[in-house]
Protein backbone atom coordinates (compact mmCIF):
# COMPACT_ATOMS: atom_id res chain seq x y z
CA MET A 1 11.02 -37.36 -10.93
CA ILE A 2 10.56 -35.88 -7.47
CA LEU A 3 14.35 -35.79 -6.97
CA ARG A 4 14.74 -34.03 -10.28
CA ARG A 5 12.15 -31.40 -9.27
CA LEU A 6 13.99 -30.76 -5.99
CA VAL A 7 17.30 -30.34 -7.86
CA LEU A 8 15.70 -27.86 -10.23
CA LEU A 9 14.35 -25.92 -7.26
CA VAL A 10 17.63 -24.18 -6.66
CA PRO A 11 18.26 -22.59 -10.05
CA ILE A 12 14.59 -21.62 -10.41
CA LEU A 13 14.54 -19.84 -7.13
CA LEU A 14 17.85 -18.13 -7.88
CA GLY A 15 16.51 -16.90 -11.23
CA VAL A 16 13.22 -15.68 -9.69
CA THR A 17 14.90 -13.85 -6.80
CA PHE A 18 17.58 -12.25 -8.99
CA ILE A 19 15.07 -10.88 -11.51
CA THR A 20 12.76 -9.67 -8.72
CA PHE A 21 15.69 -7.93 -7.00
CA LEU A 22 16.66 -6.14 -10.25
CA VAL A 23 13.09 -5.05 -11.05
CA THR A 24 12.41 -3.93 -7.50
CA ASN A 25 15.58 -1.80 -7.37
CA ALA A 26 14.78 -0.31 -10.76
CA THR A 27 11.50 1.14 -9.38
CA GLY A 28 13.28 3.61 -7.19
CA SER A 29 14.59 4.05 -3.63
CA PRO A 30 12.58 3.44 -0.47
CA LEU A 31 13.94 6.78 0.73
CA SER A 32 12.25 8.75 -2.05
CA GLN A 33 9.69 10.24 0.37
CA ILE A 34 12.36 11.20 2.83
CA GLU A 35 14.50 12.80 0.10
CA LEU A 36 11.60 15.10 -0.82
CA ASN A 37 11.21 16.33 2.76
CA PRO A 38 12.94 19.65 3.12
CA ARG A 39 13.26 19.12 6.88
CA VAL A 40 15.56 16.16 6.48
CA LYS A 41 19.26 17.04 6.05
CA PRO A 42 21.14 15.52 3.13
CA GLU A 43 23.77 14.09 5.42
CA ASP A 44 21.03 12.28 7.39
CA ILE A 45 19.71 10.78 4.15
CA GLU A 46 23.17 9.61 3.24
CA ARG A 47 23.64 8.07 6.65
CA ILE A 48 20.31 6.19 6.35
CA ARG A 49 21.21 5.04 2.83
CA HIS A 50 24.53 3.74 4.06
CA ASN A 51 22.98 1.94 7.03
CA LEU A 52 20.49 0.22 4.71
CA GLY A 53 23.24 -0.67 2.21
CA LEU A 54 21.58 1.31 -0.59
CA ASP A 55 24.91 2.99 -1.51
CA ARG A 56 26.38 -0.30 -2.70
CA PRO A 57 26.00 -1.83 -6.20
CA VAL A 58 22.87 -3.85 -6.89
CA GLU A 59 24.67 -7.13 -7.60
CA GLU A 60 26.62 -6.81 -4.29
CA ARG A 61 23.46 -6.20 -2.35
CA TYR A 62 21.82 -9.22 -4.01
CA PHE A 63 24.59 -11.59 -3.07
CA THR A 64 24.64 -10.19 0.46
CA TRP A 65 20.85 -10.88 0.75
CA LEU A 66 21.41 -14.38 -0.76
CA TRP A 67 24.19 -15.12 1.75
CA HIS A 68 21.91 -14.14 4.65
CA LEU A 69 19.12 -16.28 3.11
CA LEU A 70 21.35 -19.37 3.14
CA GLN A 71 21.78 -18.75 6.88
CA GLY A 72 17.95 -18.60 7.37
CA ASP A 73 17.85 -14.79 7.63
CA LEU A 74 15.33 -12.98 5.37
CA GLY A 75 16.53 -9.59 6.67
CA TYR A 76 14.66 -6.65 8.12
CA SER A 77 12.08 -4.34 6.71
CA MET A 78 13.50 -1.14 5.39
CA ILE A 79 10.39 0.76 6.50
CA ASN A 80 9.85 -0.19 10.15
CA GLY A 81 12.94 -2.37 10.90
CA ARG A 82 10.92 -5.44 11.82
CA ALA A 83 12.14 -8.91 10.77
CA VAL A 84 10.71 -10.01 7.42
CA GLU A 85 10.17 -13.51 8.75
CA ASP A 86 8.05 -12.20 11.62
CA ARG A 87 5.84 -10.16 9.27
CA ILE A 88 5.32 -13.11 6.95
CA LEU A 89 4.54 -15.48 9.86
CA GLU A 90 1.91 -12.99 11.09
CA ALA A 91 0.16 -12.78 7.70
CA MET A 92 0.58 -16.38 6.51
CA PRO A 93 -2.07 -18.01 8.77
CA ASN A 94 -4.74 -15.56 7.56
CA THR A 95 -3.95 -16.30 3.91
CA ILE A 96 -3.82 -20.07 4.51
CA LEU A 97 -7.26 -19.90 6.16
CA LEU A 98 -8.74 -17.79 3.30
CA SER A 99 -7.17 -19.87 0.54
CA GLY A 100 -7.84 -23.20 2.17
CA LEU A 101 -11.53 -22.46 2.64
CA SER A 102 -11.90 -21.25 -0.94
CA ILE A 103 -10.12 -24.31 -2.40
CA ALA A 104 -12.19 -26.75 -0.28
CA LEU A 105 -15.44 -25.00 -1.11
CA ALA A 106 -14.66 -24.77 -4.85
CA PHE A 107 -13.65 -28.39 -5.08
CA SER A 108 -16.59 -29.72 -3.09
CA LEU A 109 -19.04 -27.85 -5.27
CA ALA A 110 -17.30 -28.30 -8.63
CA LEU A 111 -17.01 -32.07 -8.29
CA PRO A 112 -20.69 -33.03 -8.21
CA VAL A 113 -21.70 -30.22 -10.60
CA GLY A 114 -19.02 -31.19 -13.20
CA ILE A 115 -19.94 -34.86 -13.07
CA ALA A 116 -23.66 -34.12 -13.28
CA CYS A 117 -23.08 -31.91 -16.37
CA ALA A 118 -21.02 -34.66 -18.03
CA VAL A 119 -23.62 -37.38 -17.35
CA ARG A 120 -26.46 -35.13 -18.48
CA ARG A 121 -24.68 -33.65 -21.45
CA ASN A 122 -26.71 -31.11 -23.51
CA SER A 123 -29.49 -31.09 -20.97
CA TRP A 124 -30.87 -27.83 -19.50
CA LEU A 125 -28.87 -28.46 -16.35
CA ASP A 126 -25.69 -28.83 -18.38
CA ARG A 127 -26.33 -25.62 -20.33
CA VAL A 128 -27.16 -23.58 -17.28
CA PHE A 129 -24.10 -24.61 -15.33
CA THR A 130 -21.60 -24.48 -18.19
CA THR A 131 -22.85 -21.02 -19.22
CA SER A 132 -22.68 -19.79 -15.67
CA ALA A 133 -19.21 -21.34 -15.32
CA VAL A 134 -17.89 -19.53 -18.42
CA ALA A 135 -19.38 -16.25 -17.15
CA GLY A 136 -17.91 -16.76 -13.67
CA PHE A 137 -14.48 -17.46 -15.06
CA ALA A 138 -14.51 -14.37 -17.23
CA ILE A 139 -15.46 -11.97 -14.42
CA PRO A 140 -12.44 -10.03 -13.17
CA THR A 141 -11.74 -10.79 -9.50
CA VAL A 142 -11.46 -7.09 -8.56
CA TRP A 143 -14.83 -6.27 -10.12
CA LEU A 144 -16.44 -9.27 -8.47
CA SER A 145 -15.08 -8.24 -5.12
CA LEU A 146 -16.39 -4.72 -5.50
CA MET A 147 -19.83 -5.98 -6.56
CA LEU A 148 -20.01 -8.24 -3.56
CA ILE A 149 -19.24 -5.33 -1.26
CA LEU A 150 -21.76 -3.09 -3.07
CA LEU A 151 -24.56 -5.66 -2.81
CA PHE A 152 -24.07 -7.65 0.37
CA SER A 153 -22.58 -4.88 2.45
CA THR A 154 -23.74 -1.44 1.23
CA GLN A 155 -27.03 -2.28 -0.45
CA PHE A 156 -28.22 -4.78 2.11
CA ARG A 157 -27.59 -2.25 4.87
CA GLU A 158 -29.66 0.34 3.06
CA TRP A 159 -32.50 -2.12 2.66
CA GLY A 160 -32.39 -2.91 6.35
CA TRP A 161 -31.25 -6.52 5.77
CA TYR A 162 -28.37 -8.31 7.39
CA SER A 163 -25.14 -7.03 5.79
CA PHE A 164 -21.67 -8.51 5.83
CA PRO A 165 -18.61 -6.40 6.85
CA ALA A 166 -16.96 -4.82 3.85
CA GLY A 167 -13.42 -4.99 5.22
CA GLN A 168 -11.20 -6.61 7.80
CA VAL A 169 -8.41 -4.59 9.37
CA ARG A 170 -7.87 -6.70 12.49
CA ASP A 171 -5.82 -9.84 12.71
CA LEU A 172 -7.99 -12.95 12.77
CA LYS A 173 -5.86 -14.22 15.61
CA ASP A 174 -6.93 -11.23 17.75
CA PRO A 175 -8.52 -12.77 20.89
CA SER A 176 -11.00 -9.86 21.02
CA SER A 177 -12.68 -11.09 17.82
CA GLY A 178 -15.01 -13.99 18.37
CA LEU A 179 -15.64 -16.89 16.09
CA PHE A 180 -18.78 -15.37 14.58
CA ASP A 181 -16.94 -12.11 13.91
CA ARG A 182 -14.19 -14.01 12.09
CA ILE A 183 -16.72 -15.92 9.95
CA GLU A 184 -18.48 -12.65 9.10
CA HIS A 185 -15.26 -11.14 7.77
CA LEU A 186 -14.36 -14.25 5.83
CA VAL A 187 -17.62 -14.77 3.93
CA LEU A 188 -17.25 -12.18 1.16
CA PRO A 189 -13.51 -12.73 0.54
CA VAL A 190 -14.02 -16.48 0.39
CA ILE A 191 -16.87 -16.07 -2.13
CA ALA A 192 -14.81 -13.69 -4.24
CA LEU A 193 -11.89 -16.18 -4.31
CA THR A 194 -14.07 -19.25 -4.77
CA ILE A 195 -16.18 -18.22 -7.76
CA PRO A 196 -13.33 -18.09 -10.38
CA GLN A 197 -11.98 -21.40 -9.16
CA LEU A 198 -15.38 -23.01 -9.13
CA ALA A 199 -16.18 -21.87 -12.66
CA GLY A 200 -12.86 -23.18 -14.05
CA TRP A 201 -13.08 -26.53 -12.28
CA VAL A 202 -16.64 -27.21 -13.34
CA VAL A 203 -15.73 -26.84 -17.00
CA TYR A 204 -12.54 -28.89 -16.60
CA ILE A 205 -14.21 -31.74 -14.62
CA ARG A 206 -17.03 -31.86 -17.18
CA SER A 207 -14.70 -32.16 -20.18
CA THR A 208 -12.51 -34.73 -18.39
CA MET A 209 -15.50 -36.92 -17.45
CA LEU A 210 -16.90 -36.65 -20.96
CA GLU A 211 -13.67 -37.98 -22.35
CA VAL A 212 -13.42 -40.83 -19.83
CA ILE A 213 -17.01 -42.10 -20.04
CA ARG A 214 -16.56 -42.70 -23.78
CA GLN A 215 -13.74 -45.18 -23.21
CA GLU A 216 -14.13 -48.86 -23.99
CA TYR A 217 -13.56 -50.06 -20.34
CA VAL A 218 -16.46 -47.89 -19.19
CA ARG A 219 -18.76 -49.35 -21.85
CA THR A 220 -17.57 -52.83 -20.86
CA ALA A 221 -18.42 -52.19 -17.22
CA GLU A 222 -21.88 -51.00 -18.27
CA ALA A 223 -22.34 -54.08 -20.43
CA LYS A 224 -21.63 -56.28 -17.46
CA GLY A 225 -24.70 -54.88 -15.74
CA LEU A 226 -22.89 -52.87 -13.02
CA HIS A 227 -24.88 -50.17 -11.34
CA ASN A 228 -24.46 -46.74 -12.94
CA ARG A 229 -23.09 -45.24 -9.73
CA THR A 230 -20.44 -48.02 -9.55
CA VAL A 231 -19.43 -47.50 -13.20
CA LEU A 232 -19.34 -43.73 -12.72
CA TYR A 233 -17.32 -43.47 -9.54
CA ARG A 234 -15.27 -46.65 -9.42
CA HIS A 235 -14.24 -46.83 -13.04
CA ALA A 236 -14.72 -43.45 -14.76
CA PHE A 237 -14.06 -40.98 -12.02
CA ARG A 238 -10.89 -42.69 -10.76
CA ASN A 239 -9.23 -42.21 -14.19
CA ALA A 240 -10.66 -38.73 -14.59
CA MET A 241 -8.96 -37.70 -11.34
CA LEU A 242 -5.48 -38.05 -12.87
CA PRO A 243 -5.60 -34.82 -14.95
CA LEU A 244 -7.63 -33.13 -12.17
CA VAL A 245 -4.77 -33.65 -9.76
CA THR A 246 -2.56 -31.46 -11.94
CA LEU A 247 -5.22 -28.75 -11.91
CA ILE A 248 -5.49 -28.89 -8.10
CA GLY A 249 -1.72 -28.71 -7.64
CA LEU A 250 -1.39 -25.75 -9.96
CA SER A 251 -4.36 -24.00 -8.40
CA ILE A 252 -2.67 -23.72 -5.02
CA PRO A 253 -0.29 -20.93 -6.10
CA ASP A 254 -3.02 -19.42 -8.31
CA VAL A 255 -5.27 -19.03 -5.23
CA PHE A 256 -2.44 -17.31 -3.35
CA GLY A 257 -1.96 -15.07 -6.38
CA GLY A 258 -5.67 -14.29 -6.48
CA SER A 259 -5.47 -13.28 -2.78
CA LEU A 260 -3.29 -10.32 -3.88
CA ILE A 261 -6.42 -8.68 -5.26
CA VAL A 262 -9.04 -10.02 -2.83
CA GLU A 263 -7.07 -9.26 0.31
CA ASN A 264 -6.43 -5.63 -0.76
CA VAL A 265 -10.09 -5.03 -1.79
CA PHE A 266 -11.40 -6.35 1.53
CA ALA A 267 -8.49 -4.94 3.63
CA TYR A 268 -7.78 -8.56 4.72
CA PRO A 269 -4.52 -8.89 6.72
CA GLY A 270 -2.86 -11.64 4.68
CA MET A 271 0.10 -12.31 2.43
CA GLY A 272 -1.47 -10.64 -0.59
CA ARG A 273 -2.02 -7.36 1.19
CA LEU A 274 1.45 -7.59 2.71
CA ALA A 275 3.07 -8.10 -0.66
CA VAL A 276 1.23 -5.19 -2.34
CA THR A 277 2.04 -2.88 0.62
CA ALA A 278 5.74 -3.87 0.35
CA VAL A 279 5.77 -3.02 -3.35
CA GLY A 280 4.10 0.32 -2.75
CA ASP A 281 6.60 1.20 0.02
CA LYS A 282 9.57 -0.05 -2.08
CA ASP A 283 10.48 -2.27 0.86
CA PHE A 284 13.09 -4.39 -0.97
CA THR A 285 13.66 -6.97 1.71
CA LEU A 286 9.96 -7.58 2.30
CA VAL A 287 9.29 -7.84 -1.41
CA MET A 288 12.04 -10.38 -1.73
CA GLY A 289 10.67 -12.44 1.14
CA THR A 290 7.08 -12.50 -0.24
CA THR A 291 8.28 -13.27 -3.77
CA LEU A 292 10.44 -16.12 -2.53
CA LEU A 293 7.46 -17.57 -0.68
CA PHE A 294 5.18 -17.41 -3.72
CA ALA A 295 7.86 -19.03 -5.94
CA VAL A 296 8.23 -21.87 -3.46
CA LEU A 297 4.44 -22.34 -3.42
CA VAL A 298 4.41 -22.69 -7.24
CA ILE A 299 7.12 -25.36 -7.13
CA LEU A 300 5.52 -27.19 -4.19
CA GLY A 301 2.20 -27.15 -6.00
CA ASN A 302 3.71 -28.98 -8.99
CA LEU A 303 5.53 -31.43 -6.66
CA PHE A 304 2.27 -32.09 -4.81
CA ALA A 305 0.60 -32.93 -8.14
CA ASP A 306 3.37 -35.34 -9.04
CA ILE A 307 3.13 -37.14 -5.73
CA LEU A 308 -0.61 -37.54 -6.01
CA TYR A 309 -0.17 -38.92 -9.52
CA GLY A 310 1.87 -41.77 -8.09
CA VAL A 311 -0.71 -42.41 -5.36
CA LEU A 312 -3.62 -42.55 -7.80
CA ASP A 313 -1.83 -44.43 -10.56
CA PRO A 314 0.72 -47.02 -9.37
CA ARG A 315 2.06 -47.41 -12.91
CA ILE A 316 3.73 -44.00 -12.47
CA ARG A 317 7.02 -44.37 -10.63
CA HIS A 318 8.85 -41.47 -9.05
CA ARG A 319 12.59 -41.82 -8.64
């Protein structure tokens, strides 16, 4: 199965990159702002267009980009001339830190809450958490981010309380920013990215555990007089983890996708902000590089879920 996924990786990435290239080129030229400047001579615009290869057909430019990609070259930004690989490597650690913290926090909170709701089904605890989870899942990420800024940054400052920074414009790797400063700038973005995940995972873990604890082998373990904790975690939870693995694997690219909104609202210097900036600037090469990375993350997320399936359930064999 893993080998089959790796083989399918090639046509999927080719399809994604080709469609992205066509759509990006259909939005217009990255020289549109220069073309409207009366101070720039038409011959200078044509020379820049020729140097960037924009005077060639779209399909020819795509295969040229693909040929360079096979050689490990993602090209250069059409806006500032910097290597696309360098710009991605600068933003990637920040996004990994933000996404990793949100995934770890969401999973560590959703696991005990979801199990508790399943064990105490229809109790006040179950009703409160499930209702809150549905509400949290329905809240748009952009609205949630703005409300967090309005409350914990703007309003807290007016009240004279401790307020968190509303934005982050410096690189987190900047040596001039200390550890506490980095934590301050991460708190609100992590919360904004964690709440939707937490809400969805609580509902999913609850429903999965409810299905498992009704199985015959769980009732048999209870009839043998085993401790409730042993029955719950050793028998029920281990089997409930199988569908949860798929959710975790698929959530990895979802979190990176959610960072597109969160990073731009909080001015966080990560991959999401880089991708949106590239689209706004019509920087074709940078858009292709970020899209390729997100596509690879989606495939690797699915592959990660398949591998964990084999680890948790030896009956599943990957060839």
